[in-house]
Amino acid sequence: MTENLTNFRDRAGLKHELRTVVRHVIGYAELMLDSKDLLPANKEDLTKIDHSARNLESMLESFFVELPQRGNNDVYPLLHDLRTPVNHIIGYTEIILEDLNDSNPESKLIPDLQKITENVKRWLVLVERYTGAPELPSPSPDPMTELPGNAKSGSPGWFLADLEGASVKTEHTGHILVVDDDPQNRDILYRRLRQQGHLVDCLESGEAALEWITKYTPDLVLLDMLMPGLTGREVLAAMKQISNVSEIPIIVISALDDQAEIARCIGLGAEDYLSTPFNPAVLKARISTCLEKRRLRQVEINHLARLEEEKLKSERLLLNILPEPVANRLKAGESIIADYFPEVTVIFADLVNFTELTSQREPEMIVGMLNQIFSRLDLIAQKHGLEKIKTIGDAYMAVCGLPTTREDHAEAVARFALDLTAEISRFNDSFGNPLAVRVGIDTGPVIAGIIGRNKFIYDLWGDTVNIASRMESHGLPNEIQVSEHTWEKLKGKFQLRERGEIDIKGKGLMKAWILEA
């Protein structure tokens, strides 16, 4: 130790230099926050760098106020407090640099980020060079680190860790949270883990850990059992009750070899147990195992999420083809689905002269036009509670009263038909098309079921379907023609004009009415 920390030479000069370095960090952070090259994903991390630097500047004032009042052996907490924002600046700078090196290695921000790193290193070296901070005892002391300017490290390892290079995360490293009230344990763990390439955050209490864990998601937590306030076991139990935290592996650490306490912690969900002082090889192996489990678990979670997403896509596709109750029956394992419905109302709508129009327009325009029209009809059908059955060329078929029965099926179809003709009129006004539509409706019994194996279709059969189709094909452009069965359901509720008898192929003369707006 060159001299006591409390009696360093030129204290005012050191304070000025330290503040200047911190202001440089703040300046570069402000410039980058205003840069158009900043990725949105990195803005939050850069904001944290700026906040940590401003926090460090504020803490320096308190540091130099309290320093003369403390003895040499009582300055450790002051240095520890200063180190926390420095750790954050280093850690978040490394994260942004990693992102930019992967996504945009030519980014103009990289030199400024490197300058922040250089200034933080300079800040640490200034503290070391001018103060000669006291060495802390360590169970397994590391070799002295060569520092810039040939300064030798006499400071705690956490204070001058990794000055000569960024600890880049690889697939075998992770973000580890250390929770321990003993500063030397935190120091040793921090140094060991940083040497292994991990990104490390340290907290000194269970209360702080539970607050921190709501904002950040580490890959692993090292948790001391014996702490004032909330004990490690209480923190462990609380973390396992938080939904987005419960999957994070936790290794409990303690100087006491209490097998009963270890068993209780494992029972609460702890992944493993480590006793202090730490054997470096065992520490590395246990952490590597937990991180690998975490990685595999995350792969499993991602895989299950993708499976669930594909399942939802399949279900949405199935619901586009089949009514939901029928789709549920199919998923439940029913192989043959066929039902008889004593009374429903079926509607057919056909675009008049659309075939002739196809010879005058490009294929893309024809398909686009049909898509727009039928998509609008789908929305109207959904509004009135109809079940679309299919489109047949330029014809649209729907039904009401199945698979869920309802008493007002005829009225619902009538309202749909009126909206349908109004929608075609609006479409013509918007796009200048000469389209007309014929609509036919009948009410009566049908059989409904699924046919096909690889390409399902939910279809209807019966005389009601045939009559509805004939009502449409023998109808008039821009008119809604209904059968006598449907007229019986609608009379007195809608305005209906008798058309008289029409000759229906295969049926002979049948009475028909026109549904008017």
Protein backbone atom coordinates (compact mmCIF):
# COMPACT_ATOMS: atom_id res chain seq x y z
CA MET A 1 0.00 0.00 0.00
CA THR A 2 1.57 3.30 -1.08
CA GLU A 3 -0.15 5.41 1.57
CA ASN A 4 -3.32 5.61 3.60
CA LEU A 5 -6.51 6.19 1.61
CA THR A 6 -7.52 8.94 4.01
CA ASN A 7 -4.22 10.77 3.55
CA PHE A 8 -3.73 10.70 -0.22
CA ARG A 9 -1.88 13.53 -1.83
CA ASP A 10 -3.72 16.31 -3.68
CA ARG A 11 -7.26 15.26 -2.69
CA ALA A 12 -8.76 18.27 -4.53
CA GLY A 13 -6.88 17.37 -7.70
CA LEU A 14 -8.09 13.77 -7.55
CA LYS A 15 -11.68 14.89 -7.01
CA HIS A 16 -11.41 17.17 -10.04
CA GLU A 17 -9.96 14.42 -12.23
CA LEU A 18 -12.54 11.83 -11.17
CA ARG A 19 -15.40 14.25 -11.82
CA THR A 20 -13.93 15.15 -15.22
CA VAL A 21 -13.80 11.51 -16.28
CA VAL A 22 -17.41 10.96 -15.17
CA ARG A 23 -18.52 14.06 -17.07
CA HIS A 24 -16.87 12.61 -20.18
CA VAL A 25 -18.95 9.45 -19.78
CA ILE A 26 -22.13 11.53 -19.37
CA GLY A 27 -21.22 13.61 -22.42
CA TYR A 28 -20.72 10.60 -24.69
CA ALA A 29 -23.95 9.02 -23.39
CA GLU A 30 -25.92 12.21 -24.13
CA LEU A 31 -24.48 12.39 -27.66
CA MET A 32 -25.45 8.79 -28.38
CA LEU A 33 -28.96 9.18 -26.94
CA ASP A 34 -29.52 11.91 -29.54
CA SER A 35 -27.99 9.86 -32.37
CA LYS A 36 -30.13 8.53 -35.22
CA ASP A 37 -27.89 5.42 -35.33
CA LEU A 38 -29.08 4.28 -31.89
CA LEU A 39 -31.07 1.07 -32.02
CA PRO A 40 -34.37 1.23 -30.10
CA ALA A 41 -33.39 -1.98 -28.28
CA ASN A 42 -30.24 -0.29 -26.92
CA LYS A 43 -31.79 3.03 -25.89
CA GLU A 44 -32.87 1.70 -22.50
CA ASP A 45 -29.39 0.34 -21.74
CA LEU A 46 -27.76 3.63 -22.80
CA THR A 47 -30.20 5.51 -20.57
CA LYS A 48 -29.05 3.29 -17.69
CA ILE A 49 -25.43 4.14 -18.48
CA ASP A 50 -26.27 7.85 -18.36
CA HIS A 51 -28.21 7.40 -15.11
CA SER A 52 -25.39 5.37 -13.51
CA ALA A 53 -22.80 7.99 -14.50
CA ARG A 54 -24.90 10.79 -12.99
CA ASN A 55 -25.41 8.67 -9.88
CA LEU A 56 -21.66 8.11 -9.67
CA GLU A 57 -21.04 11.86 -9.96
CA SER A 58 -23.41 12.49 -7.08
CA MET A 59 -21.88 9.73 -4.97
CA LEU A 60 -18.40 11.22 -5.45
CA GLU A 61 -19.51 14.30 -3.52
CA SER A 62 -20.60 12.15 -0.58
CA PHE A 63 -17.44 10.05 -0.87
CA PHE A 64 -15.12 13.03 -0.40
CA VAL A 65 -17.27 14.43 2.41
CA GLU A 66 -17.21 11.19 4.41
CA LEU A 67 -13.65 10.17 3.57
CA PRO A 68 -11.84 12.34 6.15
CA GLN A 69 -14.15 11.08 8.88
CA ARG A 70 -13.29 7.43 8.33
CA GLY A 71 -10.27 5.37 9.19
CA ASN A 72 -8.37 3.41 6.61
CA ASN A 73 -10.07 0.13 7.54
CA ASP A 74 -13.53 1.71 7.43
CA VAL A 75 -13.41 3.00 3.87
CA TYR A 76 -14.40 -0.29 2.24
CA PRO A 77 -18.18 0.41 2.22
CA LEU A 78 -17.52 3.75 0.49
CA LEU A 79 -15.55 2.07 -2.27
CA HIS A 80 -18.18 -0.66 -2.56
CA ASP A 81 -20.93 1.92 -3.07
CA LEU A 82 -18.91 3.68 -5.77
CA ARG A 83 -18.23 0.41 -7.54
CA THR A 84 -21.94 -0.37 -8.10
CA PRO A 85 -22.63 2.33 -10.75
CA VAL A 86 -19.23 1.62 -12.29
CA ASN A 87 -20.26 -2.05 -12.69
CA HIS A 88 -23.48 -0.95 -14.36
CA ILE A 89 -21.68 1.35 -16.80
CA ILE A 90 -19.23 -1.39 -17.75
CA GLY A 91 -21.88 -4.09 -18.01
CA TYR A 92 -24.38 -2.13 -20.12
CA THR A 93 -21.65 -0.74 -22.36
CA GLU A 94 -20.51 -4.30 -23.07
CA ILE A 95 -24.09 -5.36 -23.86
CA ILE A 96 -24.58 -2.53 -26.37
CA LEU A 97 -21.18 -3.19 -27.95
CA GLU A 98 -22.05 -6.87 -28.35
CA ASP A 99 -25.36 -5.99 -30.00
CA LEU A 100 -23.76 -3.51 -32.39
CA ASN A 101 -20.85 -5.79 -33.26
CA ASP A 102 -23.40 -8.47 -34.17
CA SER A 103 -25.94 -6.30 -36.00
CA ASN A 104 -24.04 -3.24 -37.25
CA PRO A 105 -20.24 -3.49 -36.90
CA GLU A 106 -19.84 -0.25 -38.89
CA SER A 107 -21.96 1.75 -36.42
CA LYS A 108 -20.66 5.24 -35.64
CA LEU A 109 -21.60 4.63 -31.99
CA ILE A 110 -18.94 1.97 -31.39
CA PRO A 111 -16.04 4.48 -31.01
CA ASP A 112 -18.04 6.50 -28.45
CA LEU A 113 -18.91 3.33 -26.52
CA GLN A 114 -15.23 2.37 -26.52
CA LYS A 115 -14.41 5.85 -25.20
CA ILE A 116 -16.87 5.29 -22.35
CA THR A 117 -15.10 2.03 -21.54
CA GLU A 118 -11.71 3.74 -21.65
CA ASN A 119 -12.92 6.55 -19.37
CA VAL A 120 -14.33 4.11 -16.82
CA LYS A 121 -11.04 2.21 -16.82
CA ARG A 122 -9.22 5.49 -16.36
CA TRP A 123 -11.53 6.35 -13.47
CA LEU A 124 -10.71 3.06 -11.76
CA VAL A 125 -6.97 3.46 -12.33
CA LEU A 126 -7.06 7.00 -10.93
CA VAL A 127 -8.69 5.77 -7.74
CA GLU A 128 -6.16 2.95 -7.46
CA ARG A 129 -3.13 5.06 -8.30
CA TYR A 130 -3.96 7.96 -5.99
CA THR A 131 -5.48 6.12 -3.06
CA GLY A 132 -3.67 2.82 -2.70
CA ALA A 133 -6.86 1.22 -1.47
CA PRO A 134 -6.38 -1.49 1.18
CA GLU A 135 -6.18 -5.10 0.17
CA LEU A 136 -8.91 -7.39 1.40
CA PRO A 137 -8.16 -10.90 2.64
CA SER A 138 -9.22 -13.60 0.23
CA PRO A 139 -9.42 -17.41 0.65
CA SER A 140 -7.69 -17.80 -2.71
CA PRO A 141 -5.92 -14.56 -3.69
CA ASP A 142 -5.45 -13.89 -7.39
CA PRO A 143 -2.14 -12.80 -8.94
CA MET A 144 -1.49 -9.06 -9.06
CA THR A 145 -3.01 -7.49 -12.15
CA GLU A 146 -0.87 -5.35 -14.45
CA LEU A 147 -2.63 -1.99 -14.87
CA PRO A 148 -2.23 0.78 -17.43
CA GLY A 149 0.67 3.05 -16.51
CA ASN A 150 2.44 0.13 -14.78
CA ALA A 151 0.34 0.56 -11.64
CA LYS A 152 0.05 -2.60 -9.54
CA SER A 153 -3.30 -3.63 -8.08
CA GLY A 154 -3.57 -3.35 -4.35
CA SER A 155 -7.36 -2.85 -4.44
CA PRO A 156 -10.11 -5.40 -4.01
CA GLY A 157 -10.66 -7.49 -7.10
CA TRP A 158 -14.18 -6.15 -7.62
CA PHE A 159 -12.77 -2.62 -7.78
CA LEU A 160 -10.38 -3.17 -10.66
CA ALA A 161 -11.85 -6.26 -12.30
CA ASP A 162 -11.31 -6.80 -16.03
CA LEU A 163 -9.58 -3.50 -16.79
CA GLU A 164 -7.72 -5.03 -19.71
CA GLY A 165 -10.68 -6.35 -21.65
CA ALA A 166 -14.41 -6.72 -21.86
CA SER A 167 -15.93 -9.95 -20.60
CA VAL A 168 -17.85 -11.04 -23.65
CA LYS A 169 -20.76 -13.40 -23.02
CA THR A 170 -20.67 -16.66 -24.94
CA GLU A 171 -23.15 -19.49 -25.14
CA HIS A 172 -21.52 -20.99 -22.03
CA THR A 173 -21.81 -17.83 -19.91
CA GLY A 174 -24.74 -16.01 -18.43
CA HIS A 175 -26.07 -13.15 -16.36
CA ILE A 176 -25.71 -14.06 -12.68
CA LEU A 177 -27.17 -12.27 -9.66
CA VAL A 178 -25.23 -12.63 -6.40
CA VAL A 179 -27.18 -11.92 -3.20
CA ASP A 180 -24.97 -11.92 -0.09
CA ASP A 181 -24.70 -9.53 2.85
CA ASP A 182 -20.97 -10.29 3.27
CA PRO A 183 -18.91 -7.94 1.05
CA GLN A 184 -15.93 -10.29 0.85
CA ASN A 185 -18.12 -13.15 -0.35
CA ARG A 186 -19.56 -10.85 -2.98
CA ASP A 187 -16.05 -9.77 -3.92
CA ILE A 188 -14.79 -13.33 -4.33
CA LEU A 189 -17.84 -14.46 -6.27
CA TYR A 190 -17.78 -11.39 -8.47
CA ARG A 191 -14.10 -11.89 -9.32
CA ARG A 192 -14.46 -15.59 -10.01
CA LEU A 193 -17.56 -15.20 -12.15
CA ARG A 194 -16.15 -12.28 -14.14
CA GLN A 195 -13.03 -14.35 -14.85
CA GLN A 196 -15.30 -17.01 -16.30
CA GLY A 197 -16.88 -14.43 -18.62
CA HIS A 198 -20.21 -13.96 -16.85
CA LEU A 199 -22.10 -10.71 -16.51
CA VAL A 200 -22.57 -10.25 -12.76
CA ASP A 201 -24.76 -8.10 -10.52
CA CYS A 202 -24.35 -8.12 -6.74
CA LEU A 203 -26.90 -7.23 -4.06
CA GLU A 204 -26.47 -7.22 -0.31
CA SER A 205 -29.97 -8.05 0.98
CA GLY A 206 -33.00 -10.19 0.26
CA GLU A 207 -35.23 -7.13 0.13
CA ALA A 208 -33.05 -5.59 -2.58
CA ALA A 209 -33.04 -8.86 -4.52
CA LEU A 210 -36.84 -9.12 -4.60
CA GLU A 211 -37.10 -5.51 -5.83
CA TRP A 212 -34.35 -6.01 -8.44
CA ILE A 213 -35.84 -9.25 -9.75
CA THR A 214 -39.04 -7.46 -10.79
CA LYS A 215 -37.05 -5.38 -13.30
CA TYR A 216 -34.39 -7.76 -14.61
CA THR A 217 -34.18 -11.46 -15.44
CA PRO A 218 -30.83 -13.12 -14.70
CA ASP A 219 -29.91 -16.62 -15.85
CA LEU A 220 -28.91 -17.75 -12.35
CA VAL A 221 -29.11 -16.51 -8.75
CA LEU A 222 -26.49 -17.27 -6.06
CA LEU A 223 -28.33 -16.72 -2.77
CA ASP A 224 -26.82 -16.55 0.72
CA MET A 225 -28.88 -18.26 3.40
CA LEU A 226 -27.93 -16.21 6.45
CA MET A 227 -28.72 -12.54 5.93
CA PRO A 228 -30.20 -9.84 8.18
CA GLY A 229 -33.78 -8.94 7.32
CA LEU A 230 -35.17 -11.46 4.87
CA THR A 231 -33.26 -14.73 5.06
CA GLY A 232 -32.17 -16.58 1.95
CA ARG A 233 -34.86 -19.21 2.53
CA GLU A 234 -37.56 -16.52 2.66
CA VAL A 235 -36.24 -14.92 -0.53
CA LEU A 236 -36.13 -18.33 -2.23
CA ALA A 237 -39.74 -19.06 -1.25
CA ALA A 238 -40.87 -15.62 -2.46
CA MET A 239 -39.08 -15.95 -5.82
CA LYS A 240 -40.66 -19.32 -6.51
CA GLN A 241 -44.09 -17.68 -6.16
CA ILE A 242 -43.40 -15.07 -8.87
CA SER A 243 -44.58 -16.42 -12.23
CA ASN A 244 -41.92 -14.92 -14.50
CA VAL A 245 -39.12 -15.61 -11.99
CA SER A 246 -39.90 -19.10 -10.71
CA GLU A 247 -38.03 -20.79 -13.60
CA ILE A 248 -34.72 -19.06 -12.77
CA PRO A 249 -32.33 -21.59 -11.14
CA ILE A 250 -31.12 -20.68 -7.64
CA ILE A 251 -27.98 -21.99 -5.91
CA VAL A 252 -27.99 -21.44 -2.14
CA ILE A 253 -24.68 -20.55 -0.50
CA SER A 254 -23.73 -20.70 3.17
CA ALA A 255 -20.77 -21.07 5.48
CA LEU A 256 -22.80 -23.44 7.65
CA ASP A 257 -23.07 -27.11 6.74
CA ASP A 258 -26.63 -27.45 8.00
CA GLN A 259 -28.04 -30.49 6.19
CA ALA A 260 -31.57 -29.89 7.46
CA GLU A 261 -31.53 -26.31 6.15
CA ILE A 262 -30.07 -27.50 2.84
CA ALA A 263 -32.88 -30.05 2.52
CA ARG A 264 -35.51 -27.39 3.24
CA CYS A 265 -34.05 -25.12 0.54
CA ILE A 266 -33.91 -27.92 -2.02
CA GLY A 267 -37.51 -28.71 -1.12
CA LEU A 268 -38.46 -25.08 -1.81
CA GLY A 269 -36.98 -25.34 -5.30
CA ALA A 270 -33.27 -24.52 -4.98
CA GLU A 271 -31.23 -26.05 -7.78
CA ASP A 272 -28.03 -26.71 -5.79
CA TYR A 273 -25.98 -25.85 -2.71
CA LEU A 274 -22.48 -24.39 -2.28
CA SER A 275 -20.52 -23.91 0.92
CA THR A 276 -17.95 -21.18 1.56
CA PRO A 277 -15.06 -20.74 1.03
CA PHE A 278 -15.64 -21.63 -2.63
CA ASN A 279 -13.61 -24.19 -4.50
CA PRO A 280 -13.12 -22.54 -7.94
CA ALA A 281 -13.45 -25.81 -9.87
CA VAL A 282 -16.63 -26.81 -8.02
CA LEU A 283 -18.06 -23.29 -8.36
CA LYS A 284 -17.46 -23.32 -12.11
CA ALA A 285 -18.88 -26.82 -12.57
CA ARG A 286 -22.03 -26.16 -10.53
CA ILE A 287 -22.72 -22.87 -12.31
CA SER A 288 -22.06 -24.37 -15.74
CA THR A 289 -24.48 -27.19 -14.99
CA CYS A 290 -27.20 -24.79 -13.83
CA LEU A 291 -26.74 -22.50 -16.80
CA GLU A 292 -26.90 -25.46 -19.18
CA LYS A 293 -30.13 -26.60 -17.52
CA ARG A 294 -31.44 -23.05 -17.80
CA ARG A 295 -30.50 -22.94 -21.48
CA LEU A 296 -32.14 -26.31 -22.18
CA ARG A 297 -35.21 -25.27 -20.22
CA GLN A 298 -35.40 -22.06 -22.24
CA VAL A 299 -35.07 -24.08 -25.45
CA GLU A 300 -37.91 -26.30 -24.21
CA ILE A 301 -40.05 -23.27 -23.31
CA ASN A 302 -39.41 -21.71 -26.71
CA HIS A 303 -40.19 -25.02 -28.42
CA LEU A 304 -43.43 -25.40 -26.48
CA ALA A 305 -44.33 -21.79 -27.29
CA ARG A 306 -43.76 -22.47 -30.99
CA LEU A 307 -45.86 -25.63 -30.77
CA GLU A 308 -48.63 -23.68 -29.05
CA GLU A 309 -48.40 -20.97 -31.71
CA GLU A 310 -48.64 -23.57 -34.49
CA LYS A 311 -51.55 -25.21 -32.67
CA LEU A 312 -53.37 -21.87 -32.49
CA LYS A 313 -52.68 -21.28 -36.19
CA SER A 314 -54.11 -24.70 -37.02
CA GLU A 315 -57.16 -24.05 -34.87
CA ARG A 316 -57.72 -20.64 -36.49
CA LEU A 317 -57.42 -22.27 -39.91
CA LEU A 318 -59.87 -24.99 -38.88
CA LEU A 319 -62.33 -22.38 -37.63
CA ASN A 320 -62.08 -20.62 -40.98
CA ILE A 321 -63.31 -23.83 -42.60
CA LEU A 322 -65.68 -25.28 -39.99
CA PRO A 323 -68.12 -23.87 -37.42
CA GLU A 324 -66.54 -23.84 -33.96
CA PRO A 325 -68.83 -26.51 -32.40
CA VAL A 326 -68.15 -28.82 -35.35
CA ALA A 327 -64.40 -28.14 -35.20
CA ASN A 328 -64.41 -29.00 -31.47
CA ARG A 329 -66.16 -32.30 -32.20
CA LEU A 330 -63.62 -33.10 -34.90
CA LYS A 331 -60.72 -32.33 -32.53
CA ALA A 332 -62.39 -34.50 -29.87
CA GLY A 333 -62.04 -37.49 -32.20
CA GLU A 334 -65.38 -37.84 -33.97
CA SER A 335 -64.65 -39.37 -37.37
CA ILE A 336 -68.10 -39.00 -38.95
CA ILE A 337 -70.02 -35.81 -38.27
CA ALA A 338 -73.54 -35.63 -39.73
CA ASP A 339 -76.59 -33.94 -38.19
CA TYR A 340 -80.21 -33.41 -39.10
CA PHE A 341 -81.73 -29.97 -38.51
CA PRO A 342 -85.53 -29.78 -38.85
CA GLU A 343 -85.62 -26.10 -39.75
CA VAL A 344 -82.97 -23.66 -40.94
CA THR A 345 -82.83 -20.88 -43.53
CA VAL A 346 -80.45 -21.14 -46.49
CA ILE A 347 -79.38 -18.25 -48.72
CA PHE A 348 -77.60 -18.14 -52.09
CA ALA A 349 -76.25 -14.92 -53.61
CA ASP A 350 -74.85 -14.84 -57.13
CA LEU A 351 -73.09 -11.97 -58.94
CA VAL A 352 -74.92 -11.34 -62.22
CA ASN A 353 -72.83 -11.35 -65.45
CA PHE A 354 -69.62 -11.75 -63.47
CA THR A 355 -68.46 -14.45 -65.91
CA GLU A 356 -68.57 -11.96 -68.76
CA LEU A 357 -66.63 -9.48 -66.66
CA THR A 358 -63.78 -11.97 -66.20
CA SER A 359 -62.98 -11.88 -69.92
CA GLN A 360 -62.52 -8.10 -69.78
CA ARG A 361 -60.24 -7.79 -66.74
CA GLU A 362 -56.85 -9.11 -65.61
CA PRO A 363 -56.91 -12.23 -63.39
CA GLU A 364 -55.42 -10.35 -60.44
CA MET A 365 -58.17 -7.73 -60.66
CA ILE A 366 -60.92 -10.35 -60.85
CA VAL A 367 -59.61 -12.31 -57.86
CA GLY A 368 -59.01 -9.10 -55.90
CA MET A 369 -62.56 -7.91 -56.61
CA LEU A 370 -64.08 -11.21 -55.48
CA ASN A 371 -61.92 -11.21 -52.37
CA GLN A 372 -63.08 -7.72 -51.40
CA ILE A 373 -66.75 -8.51 -51.99
CA PHE A 374 -66.79 -11.87 -50.22
CA SER A 375 -64.69 -10.54 -47.33
CA ARG A 376 -67.31 -7.85 -46.77
CA LEU A 377 -70.07 -10.45 -46.94
CA ASP A 378 -68.21 -12.54 -44.35
CA LEU A 379 -68.27 -9.61 -41.94
CA ILE A 380 -71.98 -9.02 -42.53
CA ALA A 381 -72.69 -12.75 -42.04
CA GLN A 382 -70.80 -12.67 -38.76
CA LYS A 383 -72.76 -9.60 -37.69
CA HIS A 384 -76.12 -11.37 -38.21
CA GLY A 385 -75.04 -14.77 -36.88
CA LEU A 386 -74.99 -16.68 -40.17
CA GLU A 387 -72.64 -19.56 -40.91
CA LYS A 388 -70.88 -19.21 -44.23
CA ILE A 389 -70.85 -22.58 -45.97
CA LYS A 390 -68.83 -21.93 -49.12
CA THR A 391 -68.32 -19.87 -52.23
CA ILE A 392 -69.02 -21.49 -55.59
CA GLY A 393 -67.33 -19.46 -58.29
CA ASP A 394 -68.98 -16.07 -57.95
CA ALA A 395 -71.82 -17.37 -55.73
CA TYR A 396 -72.01 -17.13 -51.93
CA MET A 397 -73.84 -19.68 -49.76
CA ALA A 398 -74.70 -19.27 -46.07
CA VAL A 399 -77.15 -20.64 -43.53
CA CYS A 400 -78.68 -19.66 -40.19
CA GLY A 401 -80.01 -22.05 -37.54
CA LEU A 402 -77.09 -24.47 -37.42
CA PRO A 403 -74.95 -25.85 -35.91
CA THR A 404 -76.44 -23.85 -33.03
CA THR A 405 -80.21 -23.67 -33.39
CA ARG A 406 -82.09 -20.36 -33.09
CA GLU A 407 -85.74 -19.42 -33.53
CA ASP A 408 -85.20 -16.26 -35.60
CA HIS A 409 -83.06 -17.87 -38.33
CA ALA A 410 -85.30 -16.60 -41.15
CA GLU A 411 -85.31 -13.03 -39.82
CA ALA A 412 -81.51 -13.08 -39.44
CA VAL A 413 -81.07 -14.24 -43.05
CA ALA A 414 -83.50 -11.57 -44.26
CA ARG A 415 -81.51 -8.83 -42.50
CA PHE A 416 -78.30 -10.29 -43.95
CA ALA A 417 -79.81 -10.28 -47.47
CA LEU A 418 -80.85 -6.64 -47.21
CA ASP A 419 -77.39 -5.61 -45.97
CA LEU A 420 -75.82 -7.74 -48.71
CA THR A 421 -77.60 -5.94 -51.55
CA ALA A 422 -76.85 -2.56 -49.99
CA GLU A 423 -73.16 -3.52 -49.71
CA ILE A 424 -72.98 -4.50 -53.40
CA SER A 425 -74.50 -1.13 -54.29
CA ARG A 426 -71.90 0.70 -52.17
CA PHE A 427 -69.15 -1.39 -53.77
CA ASN A 428 -70.32 -0.38 -57.23
CA ASP A 429 -70.41 3.30 -56.24
CA SER A 430 -66.87 3.13 -54.85
CA PHE A 431 -65.22 1.24 -57.71
CA GLY A 432 -67.44 2.04 -60.66
CA ASN A 433 -68.47 -1.56 -61.31
CA PRO A 434 -71.74 -2.60 -63.04
CA LEU A 435 -72.28 -5.56 -60.71
CA ALA A 436 -75.74 -6.84 -59.83
CA VAL A 437 -76.66 -9.63 -57.44
CA ARG A 438 -79.45 -12.23 -57.37
CA VAL A 439 -80.45 -13.59 -53.98
CA GLY A 440 -82.53 -16.68 -53.21
CA ILE A 441 -83.75 -17.91 -49.79
CA ASP A 442 -85.62 -20.99 -48.54
CA THR A 443 -86.48 -22.36 -45.12
CA GLY A 444 -86.77 -26.01 -44.13
CA PRO A 445 -84.91 -29.14 -43.01
CA VAL A 446 -81.33 -29.99 -44.00
CA ILE A 447 -78.63 -32.54 -43.31
CA ALA A 448 -75.24 -31.02 -42.42
CA GLY A 449 -71.90 -32.75 -42.10
CA ILE A 450 -68.20 -32.93 -42.91
CA ILE A 451 -66.88 -34.54 -46.06
CA GLY A 452 -63.29 -34.99 -47.12
CA ARG A 453 -60.17 -36.28 -45.39
CA ASN A 454 -57.27 -33.96 -46.25
CA LYS A 455 -59.40 -30.97 -47.28
CA PHE A 456 -62.45 -30.67 -45.05
CA ILE A 457 -65.67 -29.03 -46.08
CA TYR A 458 -68.79 -28.53 -44.00
CA ASP A 459 -71.74 -28.81 -46.38
CA LEU A 460 -75.53 -29.02 -46.48
CA TRP A 461 -77.87 -31.38 -48.32
CA GLY A 462 -81.62 -31.55 -48.80
CA ASP A 463 -84.55 -30.06 -50.65
CA THR A 464 -84.19 -26.76 -48.78
CA VAL A 465 -80.73 -26.25 -50.30
CA ASN A 466 -82.04 -27.02 -53.79
CA ILE A 467 -85.02 -24.67 -53.49
CA ALA A 468 -82.86 -21.82 -52.15
CA SER A 469 -80.53 -22.31 -55.13
CA ARG A 470 -83.49 -22.28 -57.53
CA MET A 471 -84.90 -19.15 -55.88
CA GLU A 472 -81.60 -17.47 -56.70
CA SER A 473 -81.14 -18.80 -60.25
CA HIS A 474 -84.77 -17.95 -61.19
CA GLY A 475 -84.64 -14.59 -59.46
CA LEU A 476 -84.18 -11.04 -60.73
CA PRO A 477 -81.03 -8.85 -60.61
CA ASN A 478 -80.72 -6.85 -57.40
CA GLU A 479 -83.79 -8.58 -55.95
CA ILE A 480 -84.13 -10.91 -52.96
CA GLN A 481 -86.47 -13.79 -53.86
CA VAL A 482 -87.85 -15.97 -51.06
CA SER A 483 -89.87 -19.18 -51.11
CA GLU A 484 -93.28 -19.70 -49.59
CA HIS A 485 -91.69 -21.48 -46.61
CA THR A 486 -89.60 -18.37 -45.85
CA TRP A 487 -92.53 -16.02 -46.55
CA GLU A 488 -94.50 -17.80 -43.81
CA LYS A 489 -91.69 -16.92 -41.37
CA LEU A 490 -91.25 -13.33 -42.48
CA LYS A 491 -94.78 -12.08 -43.14
CA GLY A 492 -95.83 -9.29 -40.85
CA LYS A 493 -92.19 -8.60 -39.94
CA PHE A 494 -90.72 -7.52 -43.29
CA GLN A 495 -92.06 -5.89 -46.43
CA LEU A 496 -92.69 -8.64 -49.00
CA ARG A 497 -94.09 -8.24 -52.53
CA GLU A 498 -95.74 -11.26 -54.12
CA ARG A 499 -94.13 -12.17 -57.44
CA GLY A 500 -96.53 -15.00 -58.24
CA GLU A 501 -95.81 -18.51 -59.43
CA ILE A 502 -92.58 -19.34 -61.22
CA ASP A 503 -91.67 -22.54 -63.01
CA ILE A 504 -88.88 -24.25 -61.08
CA LYS A 505 -86.98 -26.98 -62.89
CA GLY A 506 -87.74 -30.30 -61.25
CA LYS A 507 -90.33 -28.71 -58.94
CA GLY A 508 -92.92 -27.22 -61.23
CA LEU A 509 -94.78 -24.06 -60.33
CA MET A 510 -93.80 -22.49 -57.01
CA LYS A 511 -94.95 -19.28 -55.37
CA ALA A 512 -92.27 -16.66 -54.73
CA TRP A 513 -92.06 -13.28 -52.99
CA ILE A 514 -89.63 -10.38 -53.22
CA LEU A 515 -88.13 -9.09 -49.96
CA GLU A 516 -87.99 -5.30 -50.14
CA ALA A 517 -85.92 -2.88 -48.13
